[in-house]
Amino acid sequence: MITVTSGTIAGKEIVETLGLVKGNTIRARHIGRDITAALKNITGGEIEEYTKLMGEAREQALDRMIETAEKMGASAIVDVRFSTSYIMGQAAEVLAYGTAVQIK
């Protein structure tokens, strides 16, 4: 499955637009990660535990979006975007969305 952030794919022709596709996940923070993050907040630097958590969440949301597009019969997804929002103090949602298309 080709996924791009642009509205076109170089060397390919979009022959049919199938519609909006999306995938999301909601991840909660872990108390162990919070303790490590609190220590990093004091000393400074990247909080690798949260970086990894958000990276995993983006990949899961992207995988779910691709699965939805495949069920629609798409061969590509254009205009792919990510959105993140807080659900509550300890959890965040990552949403991947784009337009499922047929290409040749």
N, C-alpha and C. Protein backbone atom coordinates (compact mmCIF):
# COMPACT_ATOMS: atom_id res chain seq x y z
N MET A 1 0.85 -1.18 0.00
CA MET A 1 0.00 0.00 0.00
C MET A 1 0.90 1.24 0.00
N ILE A 2 0.70 2.09 -0.97
CA ILE A 2 1.43 3.35 -1.03
C ILE A 2 0.69 4.37 -0.17
N THR A 3 1.40 5.02 0.73
CA THR A 3 0.82 6.10 1.53
C THR A 3 1.70 7.33 1.38
N VAL A 4 1.10 8.46 1.04
CA VAL A 4 1.85 9.69 0.84
C VAL A 4 1.12 10.87 1.49
N THR A 5 1.90 11.88 1.82
CA THR A 5 1.30 13.08 2.40
C THR A 5 0.85 14.07 1.33
N SER A 6 1.24 13.83 0.10
CA SER A 6 0.85 14.71 -1.00
C SER A 6 -0.48 14.24 -1.60
N GLY A 7 -1.05 15.06 -2.45
CA GLY A 7 -2.31 14.72 -3.10
C GLY A 7 -2.13 13.91 -4.36
N THR A 8 -0.88 13.73 -4.78
CA THR A 8 -0.57 12.95 -5.98
C THR A 8 0.58 11.99 -5.67
N ILE A 9 0.76 11.02 -6.57
CA ILE A 9 1.87 10.08 -6.44
C ILE A 9 2.65 10.14 -7.75
N ALA A 10 3.91 10.50 -7.65
CA ALA A 10 4.75 10.64 -8.84
C ALA A 10 4.73 9.36 -9.66
N GLY A 11 4.48 9.52 -10.96
CA GLY A 11 4.49 8.37 -11.86
C GLY A 11 3.24 7.53 -11.83
N LYS A 12 2.26 7.91 -11.03
CA LYS A 12 1.01 7.15 -10.93
C LYS A 12 -0.17 8.06 -11.25
N GLU A 13 -1.24 7.46 -11.73
CA GLU A 13 -2.46 8.20 -12.03
C GLU A 13 -3.56 7.72 -11.08
N ILE A 14 -4.20 8.65 -10.41
CA ILE A 14 -5.35 8.31 -9.56
C ILE A 14 -6.55 8.15 -10.48
N VAL A 15 -7.13 6.95 -10.48
CA VAL A 15 -8.25 6.68 -11.38
C VAL A 15 -9.59 6.66 -10.65
N GLU A 16 -9.54 6.54 -9.32
CA GLU A 16 -10.79 6.54 -8.56
C GLU A 16 -10.51 6.96 -7.11
N THR A 17 -11.37 7.81 -6.60
CA THR A 17 -11.30 8.21 -5.20
C THR A 17 -12.35 7.40 -4.44
N LEU A 18 -11.91 6.68 -3.42
CA LEU A 18 -12.81 5.80 -2.68
C LEU A 18 -13.36 6.44 -1.41
N GLY A 19 -12.67 7.44 -0.89
CA GLY A 19 -13.18 8.15 0.28
C GLY A 19 -12.20 8.23 1.43
N LEU A 20 -12.67 8.84 2.48
CA LEU A 20 -11.88 9.06 3.69
C LEU A 20 -11.60 7.74 4.40
N VAL A 21 -10.37 7.57 4.84
CA VAL A 21 -10.00 6.44 5.69
C VAL A 21 -9.29 6.98 6.92
N LYS A 22 -9.47 6.28 8.02
CA LYS A 22 -8.83 6.72 9.26
C LYS A 22 -8.53 5.53 10.14
N GLY A 23 -7.61 5.75 11.03
CA GLY A 23 -7.26 4.75 12.03
C GLY A 23 -6.82 5.50 13.27
N ASN A 24 -7.18 5.00 14.43
CA ASN A 24 -6.78 5.71 15.64
C ASN A 24 -6.45 4.73 16.75
N THR A 25 -5.80 5.26 17.76
CA THR A 25 -5.52 4.53 18.98
C THR A 25 -5.48 5.52 20.12
N ILE A 26 -5.81 5.06 21.29
CA ILE A 26 -5.72 5.89 22.49
C ILE A 26 -4.76 5.19 23.43
N ARG A 27 -3.75 5.89 23.83
CA ARG A 27 -2.72 5.32 24.70
C ARG A 27 -2.70 6.05 26.03
N ALA A 28 -2.56 5.27 27.08
CA ALA A 28 -2.45 5.83 28.43
C ALA A 28 -1.00 5.76 28.88
N ARG A 29 -0.62 6.71 29.67
CA ARG A 29 0.73 6.70 30.22
C ARG A 29 0.84 5.63 31.29
N HIS A 30 2.04 5.17 31.52
CA HIS A 30 2.33 4.12 32.49
C HIS A 30 3.04 4.74 33.68
N ILE A 31 2.70 4.32 34.88
CA ILE A 31 3.28 4.91 36.10
C ILE A 31 4.80 4.83 36.10
N GLY A 32 5.36 3.73 35.60
CA GLY A 32 6.82 3.61 35.52
C GLY A 32 7.42 4.65 34.60
N ARG A 33 6.74 4.90 33.48
CA ARG A 33 7.21 5.93 32.55
C ARG A 33 7.07 7.31 33.17
N ASP A 34 6.02 7.50 33.95
CA ASP A 34 5.82 8.81 34.60
C ASP A 34 6.94 9.11 35.59
N ILE A 35 7.40 8.10 36.30
CA ILE A 35 8.49 8.31 37.26
C ILE A 35 9.76 8.70 36.52
N THR A 36 10.07 7.98 35.45
CA THR A 36 11.24 8.30 34.64
C THR A 36 11.11 9.69 34.04
N ALA A 37 9.91 10.02 33.56
CA ALA A 37 9.68 11.34 32.97
C ALA A 37 9.87 12.44 34.01
N ALA A 38 9.42 12.21 35.21
CA ALA A 38 9.58 13.21 36.27
C ALA A 38 11.05 13.45 36.55
N LEU A 39 11.86 12.41 36.54
CA LEU A 39 13.30 12.57 36.75
C LEU A 39 13.93 13.34 35.58
N LYS A 40 13.50 13.03 34.36
CA LYS A 40 14.02 13.74 33.19
C LYS A 40 13.62 15.21 33.22
N ASN A 41 12.45 15.47 33.77
CA ASN A 41 11.97 16.85 33.86
C ASN A 41 12.89 17.68 34.76
N ILE A 42 13.47 17.04 35.74
CA ILE A 42 14.39 17.72 36.65
C ILE A 42 15.75 17.93 35.98
N THR A 43 16.26 16.88 35.34
CA THR A 43 17.60 16.94 34.75
C THR A 43 17.62 17.47 33.32
N GLY A 44 16.48 17.44 32.65
CA GLY A 44 16.40 17.90 31.26
C GLY A 44 16.70 16.78 30.28
N GLY A 45 16.36 17.02 29.03
CA GLY A 45 16.62 16.04 27.98
C GLY A 45 15.35 15.40 27.46
N GLU A 46 15.55 14.59 26.44
CA GLU A 46 14.42 13.91 25.80
C GLU A 46 13.86 12.83 26.72
N ILE A 47 12.56 12.70 26.73
CA ILE A 47 11.90 11.64 27.50
C ILE A 47 11.65 10.49 26.53
N GLU A 48 12.65 9.61 26.43
CA GLU A 48 12.62 8.54 25.44
C GLU A 48 11.41 7.63 25.59
N GLU A 49 10.96 7.41 26.81
CA GLU A 49 9.82 6.53 27.05
C GLU A 49 8.57 7.07 26.36
N TYR A 50 8.35 8.38 26.43
CA TYR A 50 7.18 8.97 25.78
C TYR A 50 7.36 9.05 24.27
N THR A 51 8.59 9.29 23.83
CA THR A 51 8.87 9.31 22.40
C THR A 51 8.53 7.95 21.80
N LYS A 52 8.95 6.87 22.47
CA LYS A 52 8.65 5.52 22.01
C LYS A 52 7.15 5.25 22.04
N LEU A 53 6.48 5.66 23.10
CA LEU A 53 5.04 5.46 23.24
C LEU A 53 4.28 6.13 22.09
N MET A 54 4.63 7.37 21.78
CA MET A 54 3.93 8.08 20.72
C MET A 54 4.28 7.51 19.35
N GLY A 55 5.52 7.06 19.16
CA GLY A 55 5.90 6.42 17.90
C GLY A 55 5.11 5.15 17.66
N GLU A 56 4.95 4.34 18.70
CA GLU A 56 4.16 3.11 18.60
C GLU A 56 2.69 3.44 18.31
N ALA A 57 2.18 4.49 18.93
CA ALA A 57 0.79 4.89 18.70
C ALA A 57 0.59 5.34 17.26
N ARG A 58 1.53 6.11 16.71
CA ARG A 58 1.42 6.55 15.31
C ARG A 58 1.43 5.35 14.37
N GLU A 59 2.32 4.39 14.61
CA GLU A 59 2.39 3.20 13.76
C GLU A 59 1.09 2.39 13.82
N GLN A 60 0.53 2.25 15.02
CA GLN A 60 -0.73 1.50 15.15
C GLN A 60 -1.87 2.22 14.43
N ALA A 61 -1.95 3.53 14.58
CA ALA A 61 -3.00 4.29 13.90
C ALA A 61 -2.83 4.18 12.38
N LEU A 62 -1.59 4.26 11.89
CA LEU A 62 -1.32 4.13 10.46
C LEU A 62 -1.70 2.74 9.97
N ASP A 63 -1.34 1.70 10.71
CA ASP A 63 -1.70 0.33 10.33
C ASP A 63 -3.22 0.16 10.25
N ARG A 64 -3.94 0.74 11.18
CA ARG A 64 -5.41 0.62 11.18
C ARG A 64 -6.01 1.37 10.00
N MET A 65 -5.44 2.52 9.64
CA MET A 65 -5.92 3.27 8.49
C MET A 65 -5.69 2.46 7.21
N ILE A 66 -4.51 1.87 7.07
CA ILE A 66 -4.20 1.06 5.89
C ILE A 66 -5.13 -0.15 5.81
N GLU A 67 -5.41 -0.78 6.93
CA GLU A 67 -6.33 -1.93 6.94
C GLU A 67 -7.72 -1.52 6.44
N THR A 68 -8.18 -0.36 6.87
CA THR A 68 -9.48 0.14 6.41
C THR A 68 -9.46 0.38 4.90
N ALA A 69 -8.38 0.99 4.40
CA ALA A 69 -8.26 1.26 2.96
C ALA A 69 -8.24 -0.04 2.15
N GLU A 70 -7.53 -1.03 2.66
CA GLU A 70 -7.47 -2.32 1.96
C GLU A 70 -8.85 -2.95 1.87
N LYS A 71 -9.64 -2.84 2.93
CA LYS A 71 -11.00 -3.39 2.92
C LYS A 71 -11.88 -2.68 1.89
N MET A 72 -11.56 -1.41 1.61
CA MET A 72 -12.31 -0.64 0.61
C MET A 72 -11.82 -0.94 -0.81
N GLY A 73 -10.73 -1.69 -0.94
CA GLY A 73 -10.18 -2.00 -2.24
C GLY A 73 -9.20 -0.96 -2.76
N ALA A 74 -8.67 -0.12 -1.90
CA ALA A 74 -7.73 0.93 -2.31
C ALA A 74 -6.36 0.34 -2.62
N SER A 75 -5.65 1.00 -3.49
CA SER A 75 -4.26 0.63 -3.77
C SER A 75 -3.29 1.68 -3.24
N ALA A 76 -3.83 2.81 -2.74
CA ALA A 76 -2.97 3.86 -2.17
C ALA A 76 -3.82 4.77 -1.28
N ILE A 77 -3.11 5.53 -0.46
CA ILE A 77 -3.76 6.56 0.36
C ILE A 77 -2.97 7.85 0.16
N VAL A 78 -3.68 8.90 -0.23
CA VAL A 78 -3.04 10.20 -0.43
C VAL A 78 -3.48 11.17 0.67
N ASP A 79 -2.75 12.28 0.76
CA ASP A 79 -3.06 13.32 1.75
C ASP A 79 -3.09 12.78 3.18
N VAL A 80 -2.14 11.91 3.52
CA VAL A 80 -2.10 11.31 4.86
C VAL A 80 -1.69 12.36 5.88
N ARG A 81 -2.41 12.40 6.98
CA ARG A 81 -2.14 13.34 8.07
C ARG A 81 -2.26 12.61 9.41
N PHE A 82 -1.64 13.20 10.42
CA PHE A 82 -1.76 12.71 11.80
C PHE A 82 -2.30 13.83 12.67
N SER A 83 -3.08 13.45 13.64
CA SER A 83 -3.60 14.39 14.62
C SER A 83 -3.48 13.75 16.00
N THR A 84 -3.14 14.56 16.98
CA THR A 84 -3.02 14.08 18.35
C THR A 84 -3.88 14.94 19.24
N SER A 85 -4.59 14.32 20.15
CA SER A 85 -5.40 15.09 21.10
C SER A 85 -5.41 14.39 22.45
N TYR A 86 -5.51 15.17 23.48
CA TYR A 86 -5.59 14.61 24.82
C TYR A 86 -7.03 14.22 25.11
N ILE A 87 -7.20 13.02 25.63
CA ILE A 87 -8.52 12.52 26.00
C ILE A 87 -8.79 12.86 27.46
N MET A 88 -7.77 12.68 28.27
CA MET A 88 -7.81 13.04 29.68
C MET A 88 -6.36 13.24 30.12
N GLY A 89 -6.14 13.56 31.36
CA GLY A 89 -4.80 13.86 31.83
C GLY A 89 -3.77 12.78 31.60
N GLN A 90 -4.19 11.53 31.56
CA GLN A 90 -3.25 10.42 31.44
C GLN A 90 -3.31 9.70 30.10
N ALA A 91 -4.10 10.17 29.14
CA ALA A 91 -4.25 9.46 27.87
C ALA A 91 -4.33 10.43 26.70
N ALA A 92 -3.83 9.96 25.55
CA ALA A 92 -3.87 10.76 24.33
C ALA A 92 -4.32 9.88 23.16
N GLU A 93 -4.98 10.51 22.20
CA GLU A 93 -5.40 9.81 20.99
C GLU A 93 -4.49 10.23 19.85
N VAL A 94 -4.11 9.26 19.03
CA VAL A 94 -3.41 9.54 17.78
C VAL A 94 -4.33 9.07 16.66
N LEU A 95 -4.60 9.97 15.73
CA LEU A 95 -5.48 9.69 14.59
C LEU A 95 -4.69 9.85 13.31
N ALA A 96 -4.73 8.84 12.45
CA ALA A 96 -4.15 8.93 11.09
C ALA A 96 -5.33 8.94 10.13
N TYR A 97 -5.27 9.85 9.15
CA TYR A 97 -6.36 9.90 8.17
C TYR A 97 -5.85 10.32 6.82
N GLY A 98 -6.59 9.97 5.79
CA GLY A 98 -6.22 10.30 4.42
C GLY A 98 -7.33 9.91 3.47
N THR A 99 -7.04 9.97 2.18
CA THR A 99 -8.02 9.64 1.15
C THR A 99 -7.60 8.37 0.44
N ALA A 100 -8.46 7.36 0.49
CA ALA A 100 -8.20 6.09 -0.19
C ALA A 100 -8.47 6.25 -1.66
N VAL A 101 -7.54 5.76 -2.50
CA VAL A 101 -7.68 5.90 -3.95
C VAL A 101 -7.26 4.61 -4.66
N GLN A 102 -7.66 4.51 -5.90
CA GLN A 102 -7.17 3.48 -6.81
C GLN A 102 -6.19 4.16 -7.76
N ILE A 103 -5.04 3.55 -7.97
CA ILE A 103 -4.05 4.12 -8.89
C ILE A 103 -3.72 3.11 -9.97
N LYS A 104 -3.16 3.63 -11.07
CA LYS A 104 -2.64 2.72 -12.10
C LYS A 104 -1.30 3.24 -12.55
